[in-house]
Amino acid sequence: MINLVKAKYALRDKSAAINKMAEEYEQELLEPELRPEYIKKLEKLKKQKAFKVKDIDEYFEKLKKG
């Protein structure tokens, strides 16, 4: 496998081929593209006005009670 990568990208040695494989792995598996619907949701959240909460536990208790 390493020799195939080395030949495909005209790399100088097996170490460079291993590095190339690691780069490809990182791009493909560790940083997948975001789904369009998720990006839309993020954009919508960015537009919302933020507000301060002194005590997060108290805030959620009030939300539960209605």
C-alpha atoms as a PDB file:
ATOM      1  CA  MET A   1       0.000   0.000   0.000  1.00  0.00           C
ATOM      2  CA  ILE A   2       2.767   2.419   0.931  1.00  0.00           C
ATOM      3  CA  ASN A   3       4.560   1.770  -2.364  1.00  0.00           C
ATOM      4  CA  LEU A   4       1.354   2.515  -4.288  1.00  0.00           C
ATOM      5  CA  VAL A   5       0.960   5.870  -2.541  1.00  0.00           C
ATOM      6  CA  LYS A   6       4.641   6.601  -3.074  1.00  0.00           C
ATOM      7  CA  ALA A   7       4.336   5.931  -6.809  1.00  0.00           C
ATOM      8  CA  LYS A   8       1.004   7.691  -7.279  1.00  0.00           C
ATOM      9  CA  TYR A   9       2.241  10.970  -5.766  1.00  0.00           C
ATOM     10  CA  ALA A  10       5.867  10.621  -6.944  1.00  0.00           C
ATOM     11  CA  LEU A  11       7.160  10.795  -3.401  1.00  0.00           C
ATOM     12  CA  ARG A  12      10.838  10.380  -2.584  1.00  0.00           C
ATOM     13  CA  ASP A  13      10.535   7.692   0.114  1.00  0.00           C
ATOM     14  CA  LYS A  14       8.173   5.551   2.191  1.00  0.00           C
ATOM     15  CA  SER A  15       8.199   8.078   5.018  1.00  0.00           C
ATOM     16  CA  ALA A  16       6.744  10.718   2.697  1.00  0.00           C
ATOM     17  CA  ALA A  17       4.143   8.193   1.557  1.00  0.00           C
ATOM     18  CA  ILE A  18       3.130   7.480   5.159  1.00  0.00           C
ATOM     19  CA  ASN A  19       2.827  11.220   5.794  1.00  0.00           C
ATOM     20  CA  LYS A  20       0.649  11.599   2.691  1.00  0.00           C
ATOM     21  CA  MET A  21      -1.586   8.750   3.870  1.00  0.00           C
ATOM     22  CA  ALA A  22      -1.923  10.415   7.278  1.00  0.00           C
ATOM     23  CA  GLU A  23      -2.894  13.730   5.640  1.00  0.00           C
ATOM     24  CA  GLU A  24      -5.530  12.029   3.509  1.00  0.00           C
ATOM     25  CA  TYR A  25      -6.896  10.167   6.538  1.00  0.00           C
ATOM     26  CA  GLU A  26      -7.139  13.402   8.508  1.00  0.00           C
ATOM     27  CA  GLN A  27      -8.981  15.241   5.756  1.00  0.00           C
ATOM     28  CA  GLU A  28     -11.374  12.415   5.026  1.00  0.00           C
ATOM     29  CA  LEU A  29     -12.222  11.111   8.488  1.00  0.00           C
ATOM     30  CA  LEU A  30     -11.317  13.718  11.061  1.00  0.00           C
ATOM     31  CA  GLU A  31     -12.665  16.796   9.261  1.00  0.00           C
ATOM     32  CA  PRO A  32     -15.757  15.739   7.337  1.00  0.00           C
ATOM     33  CA  GLU A  33     -17.761  18.379   5.486  1.00  0.00           C
ATOM     34  CA  LEU A  34     -20.713  19.770   7.354  1.00  0.00           C
ATOM     35  CA  ARG A  35     -24.141  18.887   6.020  1.00  0.00           C
ATOM     36  CA  PRO A  36     -25.929  21.868   4.404  1.00  0.00           C
ATOM     37  CA  GLU A  37     -28.834  21.676   6.876  1.00  0.00           C
ATOM     38  CA  TYR A  38     -26.410  21.858   9.799  1.00  0.00           C
ATOM     39  CA  ILE A  39     -24.711  24.921   8.301  1.00  0.00           C
ATOM     40  CA  LYS A  40     -28.123  26.610   7.943  1.00  0.00           C
ATOM     41  CA  LYS A  41     -28.889  25.826  11.585  1.00  0.00           C
ATOM     42  CA  LEU A  42     -25.559  27.320  12.688  1.00  0.00           C
ATOM     43  CA  GLU A  43     -26.194  30.482  10.668  1.00  0.00           C
ATOM     44  CA  LYS A  44     -29.618  30.813  12.284  1.00  0.00           C
ATOM     45  CA  LEU A  45     -28.106  30.402  15.755  1.00  0.00           C
ATOM     46  CA  LYS A  46     -25.455  33.034  15.022  1.00  0.00           C
ATOM     47  CA  LYS A  47     -28.187  35.588  14.317  1.00  0.00           C
ATOM     48  CA  GLN A  48     -29.931  35.024  17.665  1.00  0.00           C
ATOM     49  CA  LYS A  49     -29.375  37.558  20.395  1.00  0.00           C
ATOM     50  CA  ALA A  50     -27.363  36.273  23.348  1.00  0.00           C
ATOM     51  CA  PHE A  51     -28.322  36.937  26.957  1.00  0.00           C
ATOM     52  CA  LYS A  52     -26.535  36.608  30.285  1.00  0.00           C
ATOM     53  CA  VAL A  53     -27.444  34.068  32.949  1.00  0.00           C
ATOM     54  CA  LYS A  54     -26.069  34.415  36.472  1.00  0.00           C
ATOM     55  CA  ASP A  55     -26.846  30.856  37.592  1.00  0.00           C
ATOM     56  CA  ILE A  56     -27.278  28.224  34.880  1.00  0.00           C
ATOM     57  CA  ASP A  57     -28.877  25.668  37.228  1.00  0.00           C
ATOM     58  CA  GLU A  58     -31.435  28.200  38.431  1.00  0.00           C
ATOM     59  CA  TYR A  59     -32.183  29.209  34.832  1.00  0.00           C
ATOM     60  CA  PHE A  60     -32.951  25.627  33.788  1.00  0.00           C
ATOM     61  CA  GLU A  61     -35.042  25.001  36.893  1.00  0.00           C
ATOM     62  CA  LYS A  62     -37.205  27.982  35.954  1.00  0.00           C
ATOM     63  CA  LEU A  63     -37.543  26.631  32.407  1.00  0.00           C
ATOM     64  CA  LYS A  64     -38.695  23.244  33.718  1.00  0.00           C
ATOM     65  CA  LYS A  65     -41.335  24.830  35.912  1.00  0.00           C
ATOM     66  CA  GLY A  66     -42.663  26.911  33.086  1.00  0.00           C
END
